[in-house]
Structures are given as structure tokens and as C-alpha cells.
């Protein structure tokens, strides 16, 4: 019985340790900058992406762009029903490169997109 309790406590400690490490890795400020309905068929998401650790120059910029794109697509998937394919219907309108992060402007174009919002 003592061995069973020890294993359970060890498992709980491992889970808590894993969660705390994940928070410290992802402990960046909020990635969502702005989201809004531009017109009847376009929804815009602006969000940040941060470079991978230990990268510099163009590599840091490109990894931050990739992270920003993934963040925008992830946010978009939570906003719309399955009828809207946020990857297929999405397009990158531009990037704003800052020293520590990149801001992406990502537009999803779908007829009468407001109808598919889950909010």
C-alpha cells in the first residue's frame, strides 16, 4: 500500500513539474494582438510570434514568423465552426518585424463568415 501511494505521489509531482516547465517555456506575453470582422466575408487576426531560443538574425525572424502564423491559425480554429477551413481560407496579409517578436496579420476569407463564428 505504501508503495502504491509513493508511486501516485511521484506521478503527481512529475505532472506538476512538467506543467511548471511548460508555463516557463510558454511564459511569453499574450500572443493575440487584435481580432475583428473586416467585412461580411473577411475576419482578421493579428497576433505575435516569438523566435526559437538561441536563434539570431534571419533564422530568429523566420522562426518568429512561423510561430506567429501557427498562433493565428490556432486562434482561428477556436473561433469558427468546422465549415470554415482556416488554413485553406486563410492568407497572410503581412508581417511586422520587431526586435523580440513578429506580428502577423492573417485574414480568413469565407462567404458570410460572421455566420460561422462560435462566439
N, C-alpha and C. Protein backbone atom coordinates (compact mmCIF):
# COMPACT_ATOMS: atom_id res chain seq x y z
N UNK A 1 0.82 -1.19 0.00
CA UNK A 1 0.00 0.00 0.00
C UNK A 1 0.87 1.27 0.00
N UNK A 2 1.93 1.27 0.82
CA UNK A 2 2.83 2.42 0.86
C UNK A 2 3.50 2.64 -0.49
N UNK A 3 3.82 1.53 -1.16
CA UNK A 3 4.46 1.64 -2.46
C UNK A 3 3.50 2.27 -3.48
N UNK A 4 2.23 1.91 -3.41
CA UNK A 4 1.22 2.46 -4.30
C UNK A 4 1.07 3.97 -4.09
N UNK A 5 1.02 4.41 -2.84
CA UNK A 5 0.89 5.83 -2.53
C UNK A 5 2.13 6.58 -3.00
N UNK A 6 3.30 5.99 -2.83
CA UNK A 6 4.54 6.62 -3.28
C UNK A 6 4.54 6.82 -4.80
N UNK A 7 4.07 5.81 -5.52
CA UNK A 7 4.02 5.90 -6.98
C UNK A 7 3.05 6.99 -7.42
N UNK A 8 1.88 7.06 -6.77
CA UNK A 8 0.90 8.08 -7.10
C UNK A 8 1.46 9.48 -6.82
N UNK A 9 2.08 9.66 -5.66
CA UNK A 9 2.66 10.96 -5.32
C UNK A 9 3.78 11.34 -6.28
N UNK A 10 4.58 10.37 -6.66
CA UNK A 10 5.65 10.62 -7.62
C UNK A 10 5.07 11.04 -8.97
N UNK A 11 3.99 10.38 -9.38
CA UNK A 11 3.32 10.73 -10.63
C UNK A 11 2.76 12.14 -10.60
N UNK A 12 2.12 12.50 -9.49
CA UNK A 12 1.56 13.85 -9.34
C UNK A 12 2.68 14.89 -9.37
N UNK A 13 3.77 14.60 -8.67
CA UNK A 13 4.90 15.53 -8.67
C UNK A 13 5.47 15.71 -10.07
N UNK A 14 5.56 14.62 -10.82
CA UNK A 14 6.08 14.69 -12.19
C UNK A 14 5.16 15.54 -13.07
N UNK A 15 3.86 15.35 -12.93
CA UNK A 15 2.90 16.14 -13.72
C UNK A 15 3.00 17.62 -13.37
N UNK A 16 3.09 17.92 -12.09
CA UNK A 16 3.20 19.33 -11.68
C UNK A 16 4.49 19.95 -12.18
N UNK A 17 5.57 19.19 -12.14
CA UNK A 17 6.85 19.68 -12.63
C UNK A 17 6.79 19.93 -14.14
N UNK A 18 6.15 19.02 -14.87
CA UNK A 18 6.01 19.19 -16.32
C UNK A 18 5.20 20.43 -16.65
N UNK A 19 4.12 20.66 -15.91
CA UNK A 19 3.28 21.83 -16.15
C UNK A 19 4.04 23.11 -15.86
N UNK A 20 4.81 23.13 -14.80
CA UNK A 20 5.53 24.36 -14.46
C UNK A 20 6.61 24.66 -15.48
N UNK A 21 7.25 23.63 -16.03
CA UNK A 21 8.24 23.87 -17.07
C UNK A 21 7.58 24.38 -18.33
N UNK A 22 6.42 23.86 -18.67
CA UNK A 22 5.71 24.31 -19.86
C UNK A 22 5.31 25.77 -19.73
N UNK A 23 4.87 26.17 -18.57
CA UNK A 23 4.48 27.55 -18.34
C UNK A 23 5.70 28.47 -18.49
N UNK A 24 6.84 28.05 -17.97
CA UNK A 24 8.01 28.91 -18.08
C UNK A 24 8.50 29.01 -19.52
N UNK A 25 8.35 27.94 -20.30
CA UNK A 25 8.75 27.99 -21.70
C UNK A 25 7.78 28.88 -22.48
N UNK A 26 6.48 28.73 -22.21
CA UNK A 26 5.48 29.49 -22.93
C UNK A 26 5.14 30.78 -22.20
N UNK A 27 5.92 31.18 -21.24
CA UNK A 27 5.61 32.33 -20.42
C UNK A 27 5.79 33.66 -21.14
N UNK A 28 5.45 33.71 -22.39
CA UNK A 28 5.51 34.95 -23.16
C UNK A 28 4.23 35.74 -22.92
N UNK A 29 4.28 37.04 -23.17
CA UNK A 29 3.05 37.84 -23.08
C UNK A 29 2.01 37.32 -24.06
N UNK A 30 0.80 37.77 -23.92
CA UNK A 30 -0.28 37.31 -24.79
C UNK A 30 0.09 37.43 -26.25
N UNK A 31 -0.28 36.43 -27.02
CA UNK A 31 0.05 36.45 -28.44
C UNK A 31 -1.01 37.16 -29.28
N UNK A 32 -2.24 37.18 -28.83
CA UNK A 32 -3.29 37.83 -29.59
C UNK A 32 -3.20 39.34 -29.44
N UNK A 33 -3.05 40.03 -30.57
CA UNK A 33 -3.00 41.48 -30.57
C UNK A 33 -4.40 42.04 -30.80
N UNK A 34 -5.05 41.54 -31.87
CA UNK A 34 -6.38 42.04 -32.22
C UNK A 34 -7.07 41.03 -33.12
N UNK A 35 -8.40 40.95 -33.01
CA UNK A 35 -9.20 40.15 -33.93
C UNK A 35 -10.47 40.93 -34.20
N UNK A 36 -10.88 40.95 -35.47
CA UNK A 36 -12.06 41.73 -35.81
C UNK A 36 -12.64 41.28 -37.15
N UNK A 37 -13.92 41.57 -37.35
CA UNK A 37 -14.62 41.30 -38.59
C UNK A 37 -14.40 42.49 -39.52
N UNK A 38 -13.70 42.30 -40.60
CA UNK A 38 -13.38 43.39 -41.52
C UNK A 38 -14.58 43.71 -42.42
N UNK A 39 -15.20 42.69 -42.97
CA UNK A 39 -16.41 42.85 -43.77
C UNK A 39 -17.20 41.54 -43.70
N UNK A 40 -18.22 41.41 -44.53
CA UNK A 40 -19.09 40.23 -44.46
C UNK A 40 -18.37 38.92 -44.77
N UNK A 41 -17.25 38.98 -45.46
CA UNK A 41 -16.57 37.75 -45.84
C UNK A 41 -15.11 37.68 -45.37
N UNK A 42 -14.68 38.59 -44.51
CA UNK A 42 -13.28 38.61 -44.07
C UNK A 42 -13.18 38.83 -42.57
N UNK A 43 -12.43 37.97 -41.92
CA UNK A 43 -12.14 38.11 -40.49
C UNK A 43 -10.63 38.21 -40.36
N UNK A 44 -10.15 39.18 -39.57
CA UNK A 44 -8.72 39.45 -39.45
C UNK A 44 -8.26 39.12 -38.03
N UNK A 45 -7.12 38.44 -37.97
CA UNK A 45 -6.48 38.12 -36.70
C UNK A 45 -5.05 38.65 -36.76
N UNK A 46 -4.68 39.44 -35.77
CA UNK A 46 -3.31 39.92 -35.64
C UNK A 46 -2.74 39.30 -34.37
N UNK A 47 -1.60 38.63 -34.50
CA UNK A 47 -1.01 38.04 -33.30
C UNK A 47 0.51 37.99 -33.42
N UNK A 48 1.13 37.72 -32.27
CA UNK A 48 2.58 37.71 -32.18
C UNK A 48 3.13 36.30 -32.30
N UNK A 49 4.38 36.23 -32.72
CA UNK A 49 5.14 35.00 -32.72
C UNK A 49 6.54 35.33 -32.23
N UNK A 50 7.09 34.44 -31.44
CA UNK A 50 8.41 34.65 -30.85
C UNK A 50 9.40 33.67 -31.46
N UNK A 51 10.66 34.09 -31.64
CA UNK A 51 11.65 33.20 -32.24
C UNK A 51 12.02 32.05 -31.30
N UNK A 52 12.54 30.99 -31.90
CA UNK A 52 13.05 29.89 -31.10
C UNK A 52 14.25 30.38 -30.31
N UNK A 53 14.44 29.82 -29.12
CA UNK A 53 15.60 30.22 -28.32
C UNK A 53 16.91 29.93 -29.07
N UNK A 54 17.90 30.70 -28.78
CA UNK A 54 19.25 30.53 -29.34
C UNK A 54 19.31 30.70 -30.86
N UNK A 55 18.41 31.52 -31.42
CA UNK A 55 18.49 31.85 -32.84
C UNK A 55 18.74 33.34 -32.96
N UNK A 56 19.40 33.72 -34.04
CA UNK A 56 19.68 35.13 -34.28
C UNK A 56 19.46 35.45 -35.75
N UNK A 57 19.38 36.73 -36.04
CA UNK A 57 19.29 37.20 -37.42
C UNK A 57 18.07 36.69 -38.15
N UNK A 58 18.29 36.29 -39.39
CA UNK A 58 17.19 35.85 -40.26
C UNK A 58 16.52 34.60 -39.72
N UNK A 59 17.30 33.72 -39.08
CA UNK A 59 16.72 32.50 -38.51
C UNK A 59 15.74 32.83 -37.40
N UNK A 60 16.07 33.78 -36.57
CA UNK A 60 15.16 34.20 -35.50
C UNK A 60 13.90 34.83 -36.08
N UNK A 61 14.07 35.66 -37.09
CA UNK A 61 12.91 36.30 -37.72
C UNK A 61 12.00 35.26 -38.36
N UNK A 62 12.56 34.31 -39.08
CA UNK A 62 11.75 33.31 -39.77
C UNK A 62 11.06 32.37 -38.80
N UNK A 63 11.71 31.98 -37.72
CA UNK A 63 11.03 31.13 -36.73
C UNK A 63 9.93 31.89 -36.02
N UNK A 64 10.12 33.20 -35.82
CA UNK A 64 9.07 34.02 -35.21
C UNK A 64 7.89 34.16 -36.16
N UNK A 65 8.15 34.29 -37.46
CA UNK A 65 7.07 34.36 -38.46
C UNK A 65 6.27 33.06 -38.46
N UNK A 66 6.97 31.95 -38.43
CA UNK A 66 6.30 30.64 -38.41
C UNK A 66 5.45 30.49 -37.15
N UNK A 67 6.00 30.90 -36.01
CA UNK A 67 5.24 30.83 -34.76
C UNK A 67 4.01 31.72 -34.80
N UNK A 68 4.15 32.91 -35.37
CA UNK A 68 3.02 33.83 -35.47
C UNK A 68 1.92 33.25 -36.36
N UNK A 69 2.31 32.63 -37.47
CA UNK A 69 1.34 32.01 -38.36
C UNK A 69 0.60 30.87 -37.65
N UNK A 70 1.34 30.03 -36.97
CA UNK A 70 0.71 28.93 -36.23
C UNK A 70 -0.22 29.45 -35.14
N UNK A 71 0.19 30.50 -34.45
CA UNK A 71 -0.66 31.10 -33.42
C UNK A 71 -1.96 31.62 -34.03
N UNK A 72 -1.86 32.30 -35.17
CA UNK A 72 -3.05 32.84 -35.83
C UNK A 72 -4.00 31.72 -36.27
N UNK A 73 -3.45 30.68 -36.83
CA UNK A 73 -4.27 29.56 -37.27
C UNK A 73 -4.91 28.83 -36.09
N UNK A 74 -4.19 28.70 -35.01
CA UNK A 74 -4.72 28.06 -33.81
C UNK A 74 -5.87 28.89 -33.23
N UNK A 75 -5.69 30.18 -33.16
CA UNK A 75 -6.74 31.07 -32.66
C UNK A 75 -7.97 31.00 -33.57
N UNK A 76 -7.73 31.00 -34.87
CA UNK A 76 -8.83 30.96 -35.83
C UNK A 76 -9.64 29.67 -35.71
N UNK A 77 -8.98 28.56 -35.48
CA UNK A 77 -9.70 27.29 -35.34
C UNK A 77 -10.65 27.31 -34.16
N UNK A 78 -10.31 28.05 -33.14
CA UNK A 78 -11.20 28.15 -31.99
C UNK A 78 -12.35 29.13 -32.18
N UNK A 79 -12.26 29.95 -33.21
CA UNK A 79 -13.29 30.97 -33.44
C UNK A 79 -14.43 30.52 -34.35
N UNK A 80 -14.15 29.57 -35.25
CA UNK A 80 -15.11 29.22 -36.28
C UNK A 80 -15.54 27.76 -36.20
N UNK A 81 -16.71 27.50 -36.74
CA UNK A 81 -17.20 26.13 -36.83
C UNK A 81 -16.41 25.40 -37.91
N UNK A 82 -16.62 24.10 -38.01
CA UNK A 82 -15.84 23.27 -38.95
C UNK A 82 -16.10 23.58 -40.42
N UNK A 83 -17.15 24.33 -40.71
CA UNK A 83 -17.44 24.67 -42.10
C UNK A 83 -16.40 25.62 -42.69
N UNK A 84 -15.68 26.33 -41.84
CA UNK A 84 -14.64 27.25 -42.29
C UNK A 84 -13.28 26.57 -42.11
N UNK A 85 -12.57 26.36 -43.20
CA UNK A 85 -11.22 25.80 -43.16
C UNK A 85 -10.25 26.97 -43.03
N UNK A 86 -9.78 27.21 -41.82
CA UNK A 86 -8.97 28.40 -41.57
C UNK A 86 -7.60 28.34 -42.23
N UNK A 87 -7.15 27.16 -42.62
CA UNK A 87 -5.88 27.04 -43.34
C UNK A 87 -6.11 27.36 -44.82
N UNK A 88 -7.07 26.70 -45.40
CA UNK A 88 -7.36 26.87 -46.84
C UNK A 88 -7.91 28.27 -47.13
N UNK A 89 -8.77 28.78 -46.24
CA UNK A 89 -9.38 30.09 -46.46
C UNK A 89 -8.54 31.25 -45.91
N UNK A 90 -7.42 30.94 -45.28
CA UNK A 90 -6.60 31.98 -44.67
C UNK A 90 -5.48 32.45 -45.58
N UNK A 91 -5.08 33.69 -45.37
CA UNK A 91 -3.98 34.28 -46.14
C UNK A 91 -3.22 35.25 -45.24
N UNK A 92 -1.93 35.28 -45.41
CA UNK A 92 -1.09 36.21 -44.66
C UNK A 92 -1.08 37.53 -45.41
N UNK A 93 -1.56 38.58 -44.74
CA UNK A 93 -1.58 39.90 -45.35
C UNK A 93 -0.29 40.67 -45.09
N UNK A 94 0.45 40.28 -44.07
CA UNK A 94 1.70 40.96 -43.80
C UNK A 94 2.29 40.62 -42.46
N UNK A 95 3.57 40.97 -42.31
CA UNK A 95 4.31 40.79 -41.07
C UNK A 95 4.88 42.13 -40.63
N UNK A 96 4.91 42.35 -39.34
CA UNK A 96 5.60 43.50 -38.78
C UNK A 96 6.70 42.94 -37.88
N UNK A 97 7.95 43.14 -38.26
CA UNK A 97 9.08 42.57 -37.54
C UNK A 97 9.54 43.54 -36.46
N UNK A 98 9.54 43.08 -35.22
CA UNK A 98 10.05 43.82 -34.07
C UNK A 98 11.30 43.12 -33.58
N UNK A 99 12.11 43.76 -32.74
CA UNK A 99 13.35 43.12 -32.28
C UNK A 99 13.14 41.79 -31.54
N UNK A 100 12.06 41.65 -30.76
CA UNK A 100 11.87 40.46 -29.95
C UNK A 100 10.77 39.53 -30.46
N UNK A 101 9.97 39.97 -31.40
CA UNK A 101 8.84 39.18 -31.88
C UNK A 101 8.39 39.69 -33.24
N UNK A 102 7.46 38.95 -33.86
CA UNK A 102 6.88 39.33 -35.14
C UNK A 102 5.37 39.37 -34.96
N UNK A 103 4.71 40.35 -35.58
CA UNK A 103 3.25 40.42 -35.57
C UNK A 103 2.77 40.08 -36.98
N UNK A 104 1.87 39.12 -37.06
CA UNK A 104 1.30 38.71 -38.34
C UNK A 104 -0.11 39.27 -38.47
N UNK A 105 -0.50 39.61 -39.68
CA UNK A 105 -1.89 39.95 -40.00
C UNK A 105 -2.39 38.82 -40.88
N UNK A 106 -3.35 38.06 -40.35
CA UNK A 106 -3.87 36.86 -41.01
C UNK A 106 -5.35 37.04 -41.27
N UNK A 107 -5.76 36.94 -42.53
CA UNK A 107 -7.16 37.13 -42.90
C UNK A 107 -7.76 35.80 -43.34
N UNK A 108 -8.96 35.54 -42.85
CA UNK A 108 -9.72 34.38 -43.28
C UNK A 108 -10.87 34.89 -44.13
N UNK A 109 -10.93 34.43 -45.37
CA UNK A 109 -11.97 34.88 -46.30
C UNK A 109 -12.90 33.71 -46.61
N UNK A 110 -14.17 33.91 -46.28
CA UNK A 110 -15.20 32.89 -46.48
C UNK A 110 -16.54 33.61 -46.63
N UNK A 111 -17.37 33.20 -47.57
CA UNK A 111 -18.66 33.88 -47.74
C UNK A 111 -19.49 33.88 -46.45
N UNK A 112 -20.00 35.04 -46.08
CA UNK A 112 -20.83 35.21 -44.88
C UNK A 112 -20.17 34.60 -43.64
N UNK A 113 -18.92 34.97 -43.43
CA UNK A 113 -18.10 34.35 -42.36
C UNK A 113 -18.67 34.59 -40.97
N UNK A 114 -19.36 35.68 -40.78
CA UNK A 114 -19.91 36.01 -39.47
C UNK A 114 -20.86 34.91 -38.98
N UNK A 115 -21.53 34.27 -39.91
CA UNK A 115 -22.48 33.22 -39.58
C UNK A 115 -21.81 32.01 -38.94
N UNK A 116 -20.53 31.82 -39.19
CA UNK A 116 -19.80 30.64 -38.72
C UNK A 116 -19.02 30.89 -37.43
N UNK A 117 -19.08 32.10 -36.89
CA UNK A 117 -18.39 32.40 -35.63
C UNK A 117 -19.02 31.62 -34.48
N UNK A 118 -18.19 31.07 -33.62
CA UNK A 118 -18.69 30.32 -32.47
C UNK A 118 -18.95 31.20 -31.27
N UNK A 119 -18.44 32.39 -31.25
CA UNK A 119 -18.59 33.29 -30.09
C UNK A 119 -19.99 33.76 -29.93
